[in-house]
N, C-alpha and C. Protein backbone atom coordinates (compact mmCIF):
# COMPACT_ATOMS: atom_id res chain seq x y z
N MET A 1 0.84 -1.18 0.00
CA MET A 1 0.00 0.00 0.00
C MET A 1 0.88 1.23 0.00
N THR A 2 0.54 2.18 -0.80
CA THR A 2 1.32 3.41 -0.85
C THR A 2 0.65 4.48 -0.01
N VAL A 3 1.46 5.37 0.49
CA VAL A 3 0.95 6.48 1.30
C VAL A 3 0.65 7.63 0.35
N THR A 4 -0.60 8.06 0.40
CA THR A 4 -0.97 9.17 -0.47
C THR A 4 -0.55 10.48 0.19
N ARG A 5 -0.51 11.49 -0.61
CA ARG A 5 -0.15 12.82 -0.09
C ARG A 5 -1.15 13.25 0.97
N GLU A 6 -2.42 12.95 0.74
CA GLU A 6 -3.45 13.34 1.70
C GLU A 6 -3.24 12.65 3.04
N GLN A 7 -2.88 11.36 3.02
CA GLN A 7 -2.63 10.64 4.27
C GLN A 7 -1.46 11.27 5.02
N PHE A 8 -0.43 11.64 4.30
CA PHE A 8 0.73 12.23 4.93
C PHE A 8 0.39 13.61 5.51
N ILE A 9 -0.41 14.39 4.79
CA ILE A 9 -0.83 15.71 5.29
C ILE A 9 -1.69 15.54 6.53
N ASP A 10 -2.60 14.55 6.52
CA ASP A 10 -3.41 14.28 7.71
C ASP A 10 -2.54 13.96 8.90
N LEU A 11 -1.49 13.19 8.66
CA LEU A 11 -0.56 12.84 9.74
C LEU A 11 0.14 14.08 10.27
N GLU A 12 0.57 14.96 9.36
CA GLU A 12 1.21 16.20 9.79
C GLU A 12 0.26 17.06 10.64
N VAL A 13 -0.98 17.13 10.25
CA VAL A 13 -1.97 17.92 10.99
C VAL A 13 -2.14 17.33 12.39
N ARG A 14 -2.22 16.02 12.46
CA ARG A 14 -2.38 15.38 13.77
C ARG A 14 -1.18 15.64 14.67
N VAL A 15 0.03 15.65 14.09
CA VAL A 15 1.23 15.90 14.88
C VAL A 15 1.23 17.34 15.39
N SER A 16 0.83 18.28 14.54
CA SER A 16 0.85 19.68 14.97
C SER A 16 -0.30 20.03 15.90
N ASN A 17 -1.33 19.22 15.94
CA ASN A 17 -2.50 19.50 16.79
C ASN A 17 -2.67 18.46 17.88
N LEU A 18 -1.58 18.02 18.51
CA LEU A 18 -1.69 17.05 19.59
C LEU A 18 -2.49 17.65 20.75
N GLU A 19 -3.25 16.81 21.39
CA GLU A 19 -4.04 17.24 22.55
C GLU A 19 -3.10 17.65 23.68
N THR A 20 -3.13 18.92 24.06
CA THR A 20 -2.26 19.39 25.14
C THR A 20 -3.02 20.16 26.20
N TRP A 21 -4.34 20.09 26.20
CA TRP A 21 -5.14 20.82 27.16
C TRP A 21 -5.07 20.14 28.52
N ALA A 22 -5.23 20.89 29.52
CA ALA A 22 -5.20 20.35 30.88
C ALA A 22 -6.61 19.92 31.28
N GLY A 23 -6.67 18.88 32.05
CA GLY A 23 -7.97 18.45 32.52
C GLY A 23 -8.07 16.94 32.52
N PRO A 24 -9.26 16.45 32.87
CA PRO A 24 -9.44 15.01 32.93
C PRO A 24 -9.23 14.38 31.55
N GLY A 25 -8.50 13.31 31.53
CA GLY A 25 -8.28 12.56 30.29
C GLY A 25 -7.15 13.09 29.43
N GLN A 26 -6.43 14.10 29.93
CA GLN A 26 -5.36 14.68 29.12
C GLN A 26 -4.31 13.64 28.77
N SER A 27 -3.84 12.90 29.76
CA SER A 27 -2.79 11.92 29.49
C SER A 27 -3.31 10.81 28.59
N ARG A 28 -4.55 10.43 28.75
CA ARG A 28 -5.14 9.39 27.90
C ARG A 28 -5.25 9.87 26.46
N ALA A 29 -5.70 11.08 26.26
CA ALA A 29 -5.83 11.64 24.90
C ALA A 29 -4.47 11.76 24.25
N LEU A 30 -3.49 12.21 25.05
CA LEU A 30 -2.14 12.35 24.50
C LEU A 30 -1.55 10.99 24.13
N SER A 31 -1.71 10.00 25.01
CA SER A 31 -1.16 8.68 24.71
C SER A 31 -1.88 8.02 23.54
N ASP A 32 -3.20 8.22 23.43
CA ASP A 32 -3.93 7.68 22.28
C ASP A 32 -3.44 8.32 20.98
N GLY A 33 -3.24 9.64 21.05
CA GLY A 33 -2.74 10.33 19.85
C GLY A 33 -1.35 9.86 19.47
N LEU A 34 -0.48 9.71 20.45
CA LEU A 34 0.89 9.24 20.16
C LEU A 34 0.88 7.80 19.65
N ARG A 35 0.03 6.97 20.21
CA ARG A 35 -0.07 5.57 19.77
C ARG A 35 -0.52 5.52 18.30
N ALA A 36 -1.51 6.33 17.98
CA ALA A 36 -2.01 6.38 16.59
C ALA A 36 -0.91 6.89 15.65
N LEU A 37 -0.15 7.89 16.11
CA LEU A 37 0.94 8.41 15.28
C LEU A 37 2.01 7.35 15.06
N ARG A 38 2.36 6.64 16.13
CA ARG A 38 3.37 5.57 15.98
C ARG A 38 2.91 4.50 15.01
N THR A 39 1.63 4.14 15.08
CA THR A 39 1.08 3.15 14.16
C THR A 39 1.18 3.65 12.72
N ASP A 40 0.82 4.91 12.52
CA ASP A 40 0.89 5.48 11.17
C ASP A 40 2.33 5.54 10.66
N VAL A 41 3.25 5.96 11.53
CA VAL A 41 4.65 6.05 11.12
C VAL A 41 5.20 4.67 10.80
N THR A 42 4.82 3.67 11.60
CA THR A 42 5.26 2.30 11.34
C THR A 42 4.74 1.82 9.99
N GLN A 43 3.49 2.14 9.71
CA GLN A 43 2.91 1.75 8.41
C GLN A 43 3.63 2.46 7.27
N ILE A 44 3.92 3.73 7.44
CA ILE A 44 4.62 4.49 6.40
C ILE A 44 6.01 3.90 6.18
N LYS A 45 6.71 3.56 7.26
CA LYS A 45 8.04 2.95 7.11
C LYS A 45 7.96 1.63 6.35
N GLY A 46 6.93 0.83 6.67
CA GLY A 46 6.75 -0.42 5.94
C GLY A 46 6.48 -0.20 4.47
N ASP A 47 5.63 0.79 4.18
CA ASP A 47 5.32 1.09 2.79
C ASP A 47 6.56 1.59 2.05
N VAL A 48 7.34 2.44 2.70
CA VAL A 48 8.57 2.95 2.08
C VAL A 48 9.54 1.80 1.83
N GLY A 49 9.62 0.85 2.77
CA GLY A 49 10.49 -0.31 2.58
C GLY A 49 10.07 -1.13 1.37
N LYS A 50 8.76 -1.33 1.22
CA LYS A 50 8.26 -2.07 0.05
C LYS A 50 8.59 -1.33 -1.24
N ILE A 51 8.43 -0.02 -1.21
CA ILE A 51 8.73 0.79 -2.41
C ILE A 51 10.21 0.70 -2.75
N GLN A 52 11.08 0.74 -1.73
CA GLN A 52 12.52 0.63 -1.98
C GLN A 52 12.87 -0.72 -2.59
N LYS A 53 12.25 -1.79 -2.08
CA LYS A 53 12.51 -3.12 -2.65
C LYS A 53 12.07 -3.18 -4.10
N THR A 54 10.89 -2.61 -4.37
CA THR A 54 10.40 -2.59 -5.75
C THR A 54 11.33 -1.80 -6.65
N LEU A 55 11.80 -0.66 -6.18
CA LEU A 55 12.73 0.15 -6.97
C LEU A 55 14.04 -0.59 -7.22
N GLU A 56 14.52 -1.31 -6.22
CA GLU A 56 15.75 -2.09 -6.41
C GLU A 56 15.54 -3.17 -7.46
N GLN A 57 14.38 -3.84 -7.40
CA GLN A 57 14.08 -4.87 -8.40
C GLN A 57 14.01 -4.26 -9.80
N HIS A 58 13.35 -3.12 -9.89
CA HIS A 58 13.24 -2.45 -11.19
C HIS A 58 14.61 -2.01 -11.69
N SER A 59 15.44 -1.54 -10.78
CA SER A 59 16.79 -1.12 -11.17
C SER A 59 17.57 -2.31 -11.73
N LEU A 60 17.48 -3.45 -11.06
CA LEU A 60 18.16 -4.65 -11.58
C LEU A 60 17.63 -5.04 -12.95
N GLN A 61 16.31 -4.98 -13.11
CA GLN A 61 15.72 -5.33 -14.40
C GLN A 61 16.16 -4.36 -15.49
N PHE A 62 16.20 -3.06 -15.19
CA PHE A 62 16.65 -2.09 -16.18
C PHE A 62 18.12 -2.29 -16.52
N ASN A 63 18.93 -2.66 -15.53
CA ASN A 63 20.34 -2.94 -15.82
C ASN A 63 20.49 -4.13 -16.75
N LYS A 64 19.68 -5.17 -16.54
CA LYS A 64 19.71 -6.33 -17.43
C LYS A 64 19.28 -5.95 -18.83
N ILE A 65 18.22 -5.15 -18.91
CA ILE A 65 17.75 -4.70 -20.23
C ILE A 65 18.84 -3.87 -20.91
N GLY A 66 19.50 -2.99 -20.15
CA GLY A 66 20.58 -2.18 -20.72
C GLY A 66 21.71 -3.04 -21.25
N ALA A 67 22.07 -4.10 -20.50
CA ALA A 67 23.13 -5.00 -20.96
C ALA A 67 22.72 -5.71 -22.25
N ARG A 68 21.46 -6.12 -22.31
CA ARG A 68 20.97 -6.77 -23.54
C ARG A 68 20.99 -5.80 -24.72
N LEU A 69 20.58 -4.57 -24.47
CA LEU A 69 20.60 -3.58 -25.55
C LEU A 69 22.02 -3.29 -26.02
N ASP A 70 22.98 -3.31 -25.09
CA ASP A 70 24.38 -3.13 -25.48
C ASP A 70 24.82 -4.26 -26.41
N ARG A 71 24.39 -5.50 -26.09
CA ARG A 71 24.76 -6.63 -26.96
C ARG A 71 24.10 -6.51 -28.33
N VAL A 72 22.84 -6.09 -28.34
CA VAL A 72 22.14 -5.90 -29.62
C VAL A 72 22.83 -4.81 -30.43
N ASP A 73 23.20 -3.73 -29.76
CA ASP A 73 23.88 -2.62 -30.43
C ASP A 73 25.21 -3.08 -31.04
N ALA A 74 25.94 -3.91 -30.30
CA ALA A 74 27.21 -4.42 -30.83
C ALA A 74 26.96 -5.30 -32.06
N ARG A 75 25.90 -6.10 -32.00
CA ARG A 75 25.57 -6.94 -33.17
C ARG A 75 25.19 -6.08 -34.37
N LEU A 76 24.43 -5.02 -34.10
CA LEU A 76 24.02 -4.15 -35.21
C LEU A 76 25.22 -3.42 -35.80
N ASP A 77 26.20 -3.07 -34.97
CA ASP A 77 27.42 -2.46 -35.51
C ASP A 77 28.10 -3.43 -36.47
N GLY A 78 28.14 -4.70 -36.11
CA GLY A 78 28.70 -5.71 -37.00
C GLY A 78 27.90 -5.84 -38.28
N MET A 79 26.58 -5.69 -38.18
CA MET A 79 25.73 -5.78 -39.36
C MET A 79 26.00 -4.60 -40.29
N ASP A 80 26.25 -3.43 -39.74
CA ASP A 80 26.55 -2.27 -40.58
C ASP A 80 27.78 -2.54 -41.45
N GLU A 81 28.79 -3.13 -40.85
CA GLU A 81 30.01 -3.46 -41.60
C GLU A 81 29.70 -4.46 -42.70
N ARG A 82 28.87 -5.45 -42.37
CA ARG A 82 28.50 -6.46 -43.37
C ARG A 82 27.72 -5.83 -44.52
N PHE A 83 26.77 -4.94 -44.20
CA PHE A 83 26.00 -4.28 -45.25
C PHE A 83 26.90 -3.41 -46.12
N ASP A 84 27.88 -2.76 -45.51
CA ASP A 84 28.82 -1.96 -46.29
C ASP A 84 29.56 -2.83 -47.29
N ARG A 85 29.99 -4.01 -46.83
CA ARG A 85 30.70 -4.93 -47.74
C ARG A 85 29.78 -5.42 -48.85
N VAL A 86 28.53 -5.71 -48.53
CA VAL A 86 27.57 -6.16 -49.55
C VAL A 86 27.32 -5.03 -50.55
N ASP A 87 27.18 -3.79 -50.06
CA ASP A 87 27.00 -2.66 -50.96
C ASP A 87 28.18 -2.53 -51.92
N GLU A 88 29.39 -2.68 -51.41
CA GLU A 88 30.58 -2.61 -52.27
C GLU A 88 30.54 -3.70 -53.33
N ARG A 89 30.14 -4.90 -52.95
CA ARG A 89 30.06 -6.00 -53.91
C ARG A 89 29.03 -5.70 -55.01
N PHE A 90 27.86 -5.18 -54.60
CA PHE A 90 26.84 -4.85 -55.60
C PHE A 90 27.31 -3.74 -56.53
N GLU A 91 28.04 -2.78 -56.00
CA GLU A 91 28.57 -1.72 -56.85
C GLU A 91 29.54 -2.30 -57.88
N ARG A 92 30.37 -3.24 -57.45
CA ARG A 92 31.30 -3.87 -58.40
C ARG A 92 30.54 -4.69 -59.44
N VAL A 93 29.52 -5.43 -59.00
CA VAL A 93 28.71 -6.22 -59.94
C VAL A 93 28.01 -5.30 -60.91
N ASP A 94 27.45 -4.21 -60.39
CA ASP A 94 26.75 -3.25 -61.25
C ASP A 94 27.71 -2.65 -62.29
N ALA A 95 28.93 -2.33 -61.85
CA ALA A 95 29.92 -1.78 -62.78
C ALA A 95 30.28 -2.81 -63.85
N ARG A 96 30.45 -4.08 -63.44
CA ARG A 96 30.78 -5.13 -64.41
C ARG A 96 29.65 -5.34 -65.40
N LEU A 97 28.41 -5.36 -64.88
CA LEU A 97 27.27 -5.54 -65.79
C LEU A 97 27.16 -4.36 -66.75
N GLY A 98 27.41 -3.16 -66.23
CA GLY A 98 27.38 -1.98 -67.11
C GLY A 98 28.42 -2.09 -68.21
N ALA A 99 29.61 -2.57 -67.86
CA ALA A 99 30.67 -2.72 -68.86
C ALA A 99 30.29 -3.78 -69.89
N ILE A 100 29.71 -4.90 -69.41
CA ILE A 100 29.29 -5.97 -70.33
C ILE A 100 28.21 -5.47 -71.28
N LEU A 101 27.20 -4.76 -70.73
CA LEU A 101 26.12 -4.25 -71.57
C LEU A 101 26.65 -3.23 -72.58
N LYS A 102 27.58 -2.41 -72.16
CA LYS A 102 28.17 -1.42 -73.06
C LYS A 102 28.93 -2.13 -74.18
N HIS A 103 29.66 -3.18 -73.81
CA HIS A 103 30.42 -3.95 -74.79
C HIS A 103 29.49 -4.62 -75.80
N LEU A 104 28.30 -5.04 -75.32
CA LEU A 104 27.34 -5.69 -76.21
C LEU A 104 26.51 -4.69 -77.01
N GLY A 105 26.64 -3.39 -76.65
CA GLY A 105 25.91 -2.38 -77.39
C GLY A 105 24.51 -2.15 -76.86
N VAL A 106 24.23 -2.63 -75.70
CA VAL A 106 22.90 -2.42 -75.12
C VAL A 106 22.90 -1.05 -74.47
N PRO A 107 21.88 -0.21 -74.75
CA PRO A 107 21.85 1.11 -74.17
C PRO A 107 21.61 1.04 -72.66
N ASP A 108 22.19 1.97 -71.97
CA ASP A 108 22.05 2.02 -70.51
C ASP A 108 20.63 2.42 -70.16
N PRO A 109 19.88 1.55 -69.41
CA PRO A 109 18.48 1.89 -69.10
C PRO A 109 18.37 3.07 -68.14
N GLY A 110 19.42 3.41 -67.44
CA GLY A 110 19.37 4.52 -66.50
C GLY A 110 19.51 5.88 -67.17
N VAL A 111 19.91 5.90 -68.43
CA VAL A 111 20.11 7.17 -69.13
C VAL A 111 18.84 7.47 -69.93
N GLY A 112 18.33 8.69 -69.74
CA GLY A 112 17.16 9.16 -70.22
C GLY A 112 16.47 9.20 -71.39
């Protein structure tokens, strides 16, 4: 369970407005108020602990995802080099075919 802003503000109001009047039941009212505050603070600490655990788990998961993305990026860098080599090969093949077609007297289809 998460602590909402409203719950936290309510807790602040209760802390600033502790029963301090003199008279019958003063100590009982004060102890009841302090007991309720301790319960709320304990609950908030528990909730914060759960949130911290969740954040740690998410951090580990994001680190794993980052490592995987680094590996994918490295593979893609290798693919870029391969595509560059394939492009060079096609350029050489295209040049050879152009020379063969020119030798045979076939007009270049790329020329207008």
